[in-house]
C-alpha atoms as a PDB file:
ATOM      1  CA  MET A   1     114.540 117.402 157.815  1.00  0.00           C
ATOM      2  CA  THR A   2     112.873 114.953 158.262  1.00  0.00           C
ATOM      3  CA  ALA A   3     111.440 112.522 156.448  1.00  0.00           C
ATOM      4  CA  ARG A   4     108.227 112.181 154.684  1.00  0.00           C
ATOM      5  CA  ASP A   5     105.412 109.856 156.296  1.00  0.00           C
ATOM      6  CA  PRO A   6     103.904 107.676 153.684  1.00  0.00           C
ATOM      7  CA  ALA A   7     100.770 106.815 156.568  1.00  0.00           C
ATOM      8  CA  ARG A   8     100.149 110.606 156.262  1.00  0.00           C
ATOM      9  CA  SER A   9     100.360 111.135 152.771  1.00  0.00           C
ATOM     10  CA  ARG A  10      97.723 108.091 152.428  1.00  0.00           C
ATOM     11  CA  PHE A  11      95.463 109.411 154.986  1.00  0.00           C
ATOM     12  CA  ILE A  12      95.194 113.006 153.451  1.00  0.00           C
ATOM     13  CA  ALA A  13      94.540 111.429 149.932  1.00  0.00           C
ATOM     14  CA  ILE A  14      91.987 109.280 151.539  1.00  0.00           C
ATOM     15  CA  GLN A  15      90.734 112.487 153.270  1.00  0.00           C
ATOM     16  CA  ALA A  16      90.654 114.548 149.809  1.00  0.00           C
ATOM     17  CA  ILE A  17      88.351 111.741 148.117  1.00  0.00           C
ATOM     18  CA  ARG A  18      85.792 111.209 150.920  1.00  0.00           C
ATOM     19  CA  TRP A  19      85.356 115.067 150.836  1.00  0.00           C
ATOM     20  CA  SER A  20      85.157 115.480 147.182  1.00  0.00           C
ATOM     21  CA  GLY A  21      82.930 112.192 147.157  1.00  0.00           C
ATOM     22  CA  LEU A  22      80.910 114.422 149.452  1.00  0.00           C
ATOM     23  CA  ALA A  23      80.491 117.539 147.560  1.00  0.00           C
ATOM     24  CA  LEU A  24      79.749 115.230 144.249  1.00  0.00           C
ATOM     25  CA  VAL A  25      76.627 113.925 146.818  1.00  0.00           C
ATOM     26  CA  LEU A  26      75.673 117.515 147.032  1.00  0.00           C
ATOM     27  CA  ILE A  27      76.169 118.720 143.430  1.00  0.00           C
ATOM     28  CA  GLY A  28      73.864 115.660 142.018  1.00  0.00           C
ATOM     29  CA  LEU A  29      71.361 116.494 144.764  1.00  0.00           C
ATOM     30  CA  LEU A  30      71.094 119.900 143.797  1.00  0.00           C
ATOM     31  CA  ALA A  31      70.676 119.285 140.388  1.00  0.00           C
ATOM     32  CA  ILE A  32      67.712 116.482 141.136  1.00  0.00           C
ATOM     33  CA  TYR A  33      66.237 119.135 143.068  1.00  0.00           C
ATOM     34  CA  ARG A  34      66.629 121.377 140.596  1.00  0.00           C
ATOM     35  CA  ARG A  35      68.096 124.578 142.597  1.00  0.00           C
ATOM     36  CA  ILE A  36      71.167 124.661 139.490  1.00  0.00           C
ATOM     37  CA  ASP A  37      70.457 124.272 136.120  1.00  0.00           C
ATOM     38  CA  VAL A  38      72.393 120.919 135.449  1.00  0.00           C
ATOM     39  CA  PRO A  39      70.420 118.400 133.540  1.00  0.00           C
ATOM     40  CA  ILE A  40      68.454 116.061 136.095  1.00  0.00           C
ATOM     41  CA  GLU A  41      70.486 112.847 134.260  1.00  0.00           C
ATOM     42  CA  ALA A  42      73.474 114.271 135.272  1.00  0.00           C
ATOM     43  CA  GLY A  43      72.308 115.133 138.678  1.00  0.00           C
ATOM     44  CA  TYR A  44      71.878 111.356 139.452  1.00  0.00           C
ATOM     45  CA  VAL A  45      75.008 110.528 138.001  1.00  0.00           C
ATOM     46  CA  LEU A  46      77.057 112.808 139.999  1.00  0.00           C
ATOM     47  CA  PHE A  47      75.132 111.905 142.707  1.00  0.00           C
ATOM     48  CA  VAL A  48      76.377 107.501 142.098  1.00  0.00           C
ATOM     49  CA  VAL A  49      79.776 108.510 141.243  1.00  0.00           C
ATOM     50  CA  GLY A  50      80.086 110.622 144.572  1.00  0.00           C
ATOM     51  CA  VAL A  51      78.490 107.807 146.735  1.00  0.00           C
ATOM     52  CA  LEU A  52      80.902 105.034 145.388  1.00  0.00           C
ATOM     53  CA  ASP A  53      84.052 107.950 145.523  1.00  0.00           C
ATOM     54  CA  ALA A  54      83.001 108.650 149.369  1.00  0.00           C
ATOM     55  CA  LEU A  55      82.559 105.303 150.075  1.00  0.00           C
ATOM     56  CA  ILE A  56      84.048 102.343 148.561  1.00  0.00           C
ATOM     57  CA  MET A  57      87.473 104.189 147.196  1.00  0.00           C
ATOM     58  CA  PRO A  58      89.063 104.833 150.319  1.00  0.00           C
ATOM     59  CA  THR A  59      88.540 100.996 151.468  1.00  0.00           C
ATOM     60  CA  VAL A  60      89.886 100.236 147.436  1.00  0.00           C
ATOM     61  CA  LEU A  61      92.927 102.172 148.019  1.00  0.00           C
ATOM     62  CA  THR A  62      93.723 101.191 151.388  1.00  0.00           C
ATOM     63  CA  LYS A  63      93.951  97.312 149.899  1.00  0.00           C
ATOM     64  CA  LEU A  64      95.926  98.758 146.831  1.00  0.00           C
ATOM     65  CA  TRP A  65      98.268 100.004 149.235  1.00  0.00           C
ATOM     66  CA  LYS A  66      98.306  97.151 151.710  1.00  0.00           C
ATOM     67  CA  SER A  67      98.973  94.474 148.877  1.00  0.00           C
ATOM     68  CA  ARG A  68     102.282  96.396 147.376  1.00  0.00           C
ATOM     69  CA  GLY A  69     103.674  96.230 150.810  1.00  0.00           C
ATOM     70  CA  GLN A  70     104.290  99.542 151.357  1.00  0.00           C
END
């Protein structure tokens, strides 16, 4: 058996965060444009959290992982 590559696991984690952020953005937009029955305020919150999740969190995780030296 081969050892698990930490770089591969981190890459998968970052991609999962990006895709989940995109899903939150889309759900937020659907709520904002009243395509789903969710309050508009919740749509704006989901949109902002999704954008932050997709654009900011991968960078934060990368810096965190580099600072640990792993």
